[in-house]
C-alpha atoms as a PDB file:
ATOM      1  CA  UNK A   1     115.617 122.968 111.494  1.00  0.00           C
ATOM      2  CA  UNK A   2     115.264 120.345 114.243  1.00  0.00           C
ATOM      3  CA  UNK A   3     116.324 116.776 113.472  1.00  0.00           C
ATOM      4  CA  UNK A   4     113.625 114.370 114.704  1.00  0.00           C
ATOM      5  CA  UNK A   5     115.561 111.130 114.311  1.00  0.00           C
ATOM      6  CA  UNK A   6     116.265 108.523 116.947  1.00  0.00           C
ATOM      7  CA  UNK A   7     118.576 105.559 116.442  1.00  0.00           C
ATOM      8  CA  UNK A   8     118.583 102.168 118.154  1.00  0.00           C
ATOM      9  CA  UNK A   9     120.642  99.071 117.496  1.00  0.00           C
ATOM     10  CA  UNK A  10     118.835  95.737 117.385  1.00  0.00           C
ATOM     11  CA  UNK A  11     119.676  92.097 116.737  1.00  0.00           C
ATOM     12  CA  UNK A  12     117.622  90.269 114.134  1.00  0.00           C
ATOM     13  CA  UNK A  13     116.091  87.030 115.458  1.00  0.00           C
ATOM     14  CA  UNK A  14     116.479  84.148 113.011  1.00  0.00           C
ATOM     15  CA  UNK A  15     114.539  80.902 113.340  1.00  0.00           C
ATOM     16  CA  UNK A  16     113.431  78.039 111.129  1.00  0.00           C
ATOM     17  CA  UNK A  17     109.824  77.102 110.516  1.00  0.00           C
ATOM     18  CA  UNK A  18     108.543  73.507 110.334  1.00  0.00           C
ATOM     19  CA  UNK A  19     109.631  73.180 106.700  1.00  0.00           C
ATOM     20  CA  UNK A  20     113.178  74.447 107.312  1.00  0.00           C
ATOM     21  CA  UNK A  21     112.675  77.943 105.861  1.00  0.00           C
ATOM     22  CA  UNK A  22     114.399  80.817 107.671  1.00  0.00           C
ATOM     23  CA  UNK A  23     112.293  83.499 109.382  1.00  0.00           C
ATOM     24  CA  UNK A  24     113.832  86.883 110.222  1.00  0.00           C
ATOM     25  CA  UNK A  25     112.203  89.160 112.820  1.00  0.00           C
ATOM     26  CA  UNK A  26     113.085  92.416 114.483  1.00  0.00           C
ATOM     27  CA  UNK A  27     111.434  94.192 117.410  1.00  0.00           C
ATOM     28  CA  UNK A  28     110.562  97.845 116.952  1.00  0.00           C
ATOM     29  CA  UNK A  29     110.165 100.262 119.857  1.00  0.00           C
ATOM     30  CA  UNK A  30     106.498 100.680 120.853  1.00  0.00           C
ATOM     31  CA  UNK A  31     107.116 104.422 121.257  1.00  0.00           C
ATOM     32  CA  UNK A  32     107.932 104.735 117.552  1.00  0.00           C
ATOM     33  CA  UNK A  33     104.927 102.700 116.418  1.00  0.00           C
ATOM     34  CA  UNK A  34     102.526 104.611 118.664  1.00  0.00           C
ATOM     35  CA  UNK A  35     103.971 107.868 117.312  1.00  0.00           C
ATOM     36  CA  UNK A  36     103.219 106.587 113.780  1.00  0.00           C
ATOM     37  CA  UNK A  37      99.602 105.947 114.831  1.00  0.00           C
ATOM     38  CA  UNK A  38      99.884 102.165 114.653  1.00  0.00           C
ATOM     39  CA  UNK A  39      97.474 100.283 116.911  1.00  0.00           C
ATOM     40  CA  UNK A  40      95.621  96.967 117.056  1.00  0.00           C
ATOM     41  CA  UNK A  41      92.931  98.421 114.770  1.00  0.00           C
ATOM     42  CA  UNK A  42      95.268 100.327 112.415  1.00  0.00           C
ATOM     43  CA  UNK A  43      98.366  98.255 111.736  1.00  0.00           C
ATOM     44  CA  UNK A  44      98.762  98.170 107.954  1.00  0.00           C
ATOM     45  CA  UNK A  45     102.212  99.225 106.803  1.00  0.00           C
ATOM     46  CA  UNK A  46     104.097  99.391 103.526  1.00  0.00           C
ATOM     47  CA  UNK A  47     107.635  97.977 103.585  1.00  0.00           C
ATOM     48  CA  UNK A  48     110.089  99.125 100.909  1.00  0.00           C
ATOM     49  CA  UNK A  49     113.533  97.643 100.351  1.00  0.00           C
ATOM     50  CA  UNK A  50     116.037  99.867  98.534  1.00  0.00           C
ATOM     51  CA  UNK A  51     118.690  97.434  97.261  1.00  0.00           C
ATOM     52  CA  UNK A  52     121.051 100.181  96.080  1.00  0.00           C
ATOM     53  CA  UNK A  53     121.102 101.879  99.512  1.00  0.00           C
ATOM     54  CA  UNK A  54     120.619  98.640 101.519  1.00  0.00           C
ATOM     55  CA  UNK A  55     117.746 100.253 103.464  1.00  0.00           C
ATOM     56  CA  UNK A  56     114.359  99.032 104.609  1.00  0.00           C
ATOM     57  CA  UNK A  57     111.683 101.728 104.925  1.00  0.00           C
ATOM     58  CA  UNK A  58     108.438 101.174 106.845  1.00  0.00           C
ATOM     59  CA  UNK A  59     105.509 103.527 106.204  1.00  0.00           C
ATOM     60  CA  UNK A  60     102.031 103.514 107.738  1.00  0.00           C
ATOM     61  CA  UNK A  61      99.247 103.251 105.153  1.00  0.00           C
END
């Protein structure tokens, strides 16, 4: 069975908004998002955080 995974390392950008709250952002490769079928018209995703595994999972909905 072929493994279809690709790994990239990224830094998380952290900034503060006007009220002093932290914002965390990460850039995802466009190739991955296009492969998922995400576009300007279809960009709804479900984000799941698994606290026991310390993983964030993004799924197209």
